[in-house]
Amino acid sequence: MIFIDYNDKRPIYEQVTEKIQTLILNGVLEPDSKLPSVRSLAMELSINPNTIQRAYSELEREGFIYSVKGRGNFVKMNENLIIKEQEKLLIKFKENVEELRARGILKEQALACINEAYEEVER
């Protein structure tokens, strides 16, 4: 479910946060489904429980999960969250297009690459 890359320069809690966000946005974790407890996920990943707690706190702050006292953490999903994340990706995409253009890559080349990438993913 979640793999930690110890060669990644980002803190482990950020990696955990990103992986859980991806699982939620891709529908792998369904709305209102219970997340593993802090202790069990920490044991599964062989990391400090404080790291998982920090990741869960960040996810809650960003609106991806909610906690119920004494019951645990649950997936909180709403359409606004999906739209917000899609907008972030499109902004990054536009920045990449600006860089491609600055480096002399033609629109036709970029479009061909995009079409090829979509075809590969759809297979």
Protein backbone atom coordinates (compact mmCIF):
# COMPACT_ATOMS: atom_id res chain seq x y z
CA MET A 1 0.00 0.00 0.00
CA ILE A 2 2.63 2.55 1.08
CA PHE A 3 6.33 2.29 0.36
CA ILE A 4 8.96 4.58 1.85
CA ASP A 5 11.86 5.64 -0.37
CA TYR A 6 14.80 6.22 1.94
CA ASN A 7 16.74 7.80 -0.93
CA ASP A 8 14.07 10.49 -1.27
CA LYS A 9 15.26 13.75 0.27
CA ARG A 10 11.77 14.63 1.52
CA PRO A 11 10.86 13.81 5.12
CA ILE A 12 9.13 10.47 5.63
CA TYR A 13 5.92 12.10 6.88
CA GLU A 14 5.65 14.00 3.57
CA GLN A 15 6.06 10.76 1.63
CA VAL A 16 3.36 9.08 3.71
CA THR A 17 1.07 12.09 3.28
CA GLU A 18 1.56 12.12 -0.49
CA LYS A 19 0.98 8.36 -0.84
CA ILE A 20 -2.26 8.48 1.14
CA GLN A 21 -3.45 11.53 -0.83
CA THR A 22 -2.80 9.64 -4.07
CA LEU A 23 -4.69 6.59 -2.80
CA ILE A 24 -7.64 8.80 -1.86
CA LEU A 25 -7.67 10.80 -5.10
CA ASN A 26 -7.42 7.62 -7.20
CA GLY A 27 -10.36 6.08 -5.35
CA VAL A 28 -8.34 3.26 -3.82
CA LEU A 29 -9.38 4.49 -0.38
CA GLU A 30 -13.11 5.12 -0.47
CA PRO A 31 -14.90 7.92 1.38
CA ASP A 32 -15.59 7.14 5.04
CA SER A 33 -13.29 4.11 5.00
CA LYS A 34 -11.15 3.72 8.11
CA LEU A 35 -7.43 4.27 7.82
CA PRO A 36 -5.00 2.01 9.69
CA SER A 37 -4.32 3.12 13.24
CA VAL A 38 -1.23 5.23 13.81
CA ARG A 39 0.44 2.40 15.69
CA SER A 40 -0.37 -0.35 13.16
CA LEU A 41 0.76 1.71 10.15
CA ALA A 42 3.95 2.71 11.98
CA MET A 43 4.68 -0.95 12.72
CA GLU A 44 3.88 -1.97 9.13
CA LEU A 45 6.25 0.66 7.72
CA SER A 46 8.82 0.25 10.52
CA ILE A 47 8.80 3.94 11.36
CA ASN A 48 8.09 6.04 14.43
CA PRO A 49 4.37 6.47 15.30
CA ASN A 50 4.97 10.24 15.65
CA THR A 51 5.80 10.30 11.93
CA ILE A 52 2.44 8.72 11.06
CA GLN A 53 0.64 11.05 13.47
CA ARG A 54 2.25 14.02 11.75
CA ALA A 55 1.21 12.70 8.32
CA TYR A 56 -2.37 12.14 9.55
CA SER A 57 -2.45 15.64 11.06
CA GLU A 58 -1.32 17.10 7.74
CA LEU A 59 -3.93 15.07 5.83
CA GLU A 60 -6.63 16.28 8.20
CA ARG A 61 -5.48 19.89 7.88
CA GLU A 62 -5.64 19.60 4.08
CA GLY A 63 -9.12 18.07 4.20
CA PHE A 64 -8.29 14.54 3.06
CA ILE A 65 -9.25 12.77 6.29
CA TYR A 66 -11.21 13.35 9.46
CA SER A 67 -10.79 11.86 12.91
CA VAL A 68 -13.39 10.50 15.28
CA LYS A 69 -12.32 10.51 18.91
CA GLY A 70 -11.75 6.97 20.09
CA ARG A 71 -12.52 5.42 16.69
CA GLY A 72 -9.68 6.53 14.43
CA ASN A 73 -9.14 8.34 11.15
CA PHE A 74 -11.40 8.13 8.13
CA VAL A 75 -11.24 9.19 4.49
CA LYS A 76 -13.01 12.47 3.83
CA MET A 77 -13.68 12.93 0.16
CA ASN A 78 -15.47 15.70 -1.61
CA GLU A 79 -15.62 16.99 -5.16
CA ASN A 80 -13.96 20.30 -4.24
CA LEU A 81 -10.86 18.44 -3.10
CA ILE A 82 -10.58 16.58 -6.40
CA ILE A 83 -11.05 19.79 -8.37
CA LYS A 84 -8.44 21.59 -6.24
CA GLU A 85 -5.88 18.83 -6.82
CA GLN A 86 -6.63 18.78 -10.56
CA GLU A 87 -6.07 22.54 -10.69
CA LYS A 88 -2.69 22.11 -8.95
CA LEU A 89 -1.68 19.52 -11.55
CA LEU A 90 -2.74 21.76 -14.42
CA ILE A 91 -0.70 24.64 -13.01
CA LYS A 92 2.36 22.36 -12.86
CA PHE A 93 1.61 21.24 -16.40
CA LYS A 94 1.50 24.85 -17.64
CA GLU A 95 4.83 25.53 -15.95
CA ASN A 96 6.29 22.52 -17.74
CA VAL A 97 4.89 23.74 -21.05
CA GLU A 98 6.58 27.10 -20.47
CA GLU A 99 9.87 25.31 -19.87
CA LEU A 100 9.43 23.11 -22.96
CA ARG A 101 8.78 26.17 -25.09
CA ALA A 102 11.76 28.02 -23.62
CA ARG A 103 13.96 25.06 -24.56
CA GLY A 104 12.79 25.06 -28.15
CA ILE A 105 10.36 22.15 -28.13
CA LEU A 106 7.64 22.75 -30.67
CA LYS A 107 3.92 22.56 -29.84
CA GLU A 108 3.51 19.63 -32.25
CA GLN A 109 6.28 17.69 -30.50
CA ALA A 110 4.73 18.32 -27.09
CA LEU A 111 1.26 17.31 -28.28
CA ALA A 112 2.63 14.13 -29.85
CA CYS A 113 4.35 13.29 -26.55
CA ILE A 114 1.15 13.94 -24.58
CA ASN A 115 -0.90 11.77 -26.95
CA GLU A 116 1.69 9.00 -26.71
CA ALA A 117 1.72 9.16 -22.92
CA TYR A 118 -2.09 8.98 -22.72
CA GLU A 119 -2.13 6.00 -25.10
CA GLU A 120 0.45 4.18 -22.97
CA VAL A 121 -1.52 4.81 -19.78
CA GLU A 122 -4.79 3.66 -21.36
CA ARG A 123 -3.29 0.31 -22.39
